[in-house]
Amino acid sequence: MGIIYENTFKDLIKFNLFHLPRMRVQQVSWLVTIVALTALLWTIIDSASISFIAKIVFLMIVDSIVLGLLAAITFLSIVFAYAPGKNKGILTQHHLKLLSTGLVEETSVNTTTHSWAGIVDICQNRDYIFIYITQHAAHVIPKKAFKSREEATDFFHYAYQLWKPSM
């Protein structure tokens, strides 16, 4: 079974927006940042002559702004990570074949083979199938590349079935 698809810049952005919030290191770093900022701000505003509720509201507003800035910085780093012309093997047409021994991906610039034992995870969301070849890199297969939703579902289940026994 196989599929021919083409990844766009938008597909890569959507993959990162799917993947990054699920990364434990990302979650921990944002949590540590917010906790440290909250503790620092609390030591500054604790002696202020405002109500406890006002202090909590202030901390919530500042923490929300900081989380928004962290999200914006993360998003911008994703956008700039895929510099035009530097990713010829990514932003191109892919031919992905599922074999009993593993998967083979062919593009105009490379051919890559992965055994099922080397696949880290296979998951999906509403618009994509993700076949993780490392903890942070995946084949991003748009479901719109399939003739129907059922064909995409069959592809996902077949890939998962081939991968699962190798775990």
Foldseek 3Di string as FASTA:
>chain_A
DKFKDFDDLVLQLVLCVVQQVVDPVNVVVLVVVLVVVLVVLCVVCVPPPDDPVVNVVVSVVVSVVVVVVVVVVVSVVSSPVCDPPPCQVHRFMWMWDQDLQFIWIDTPVDIDTDGLLQWDDWDDDPFWTWTHNDSRDTDTGGPVRDPDVVVVVVVSVVSCVSNVVSD
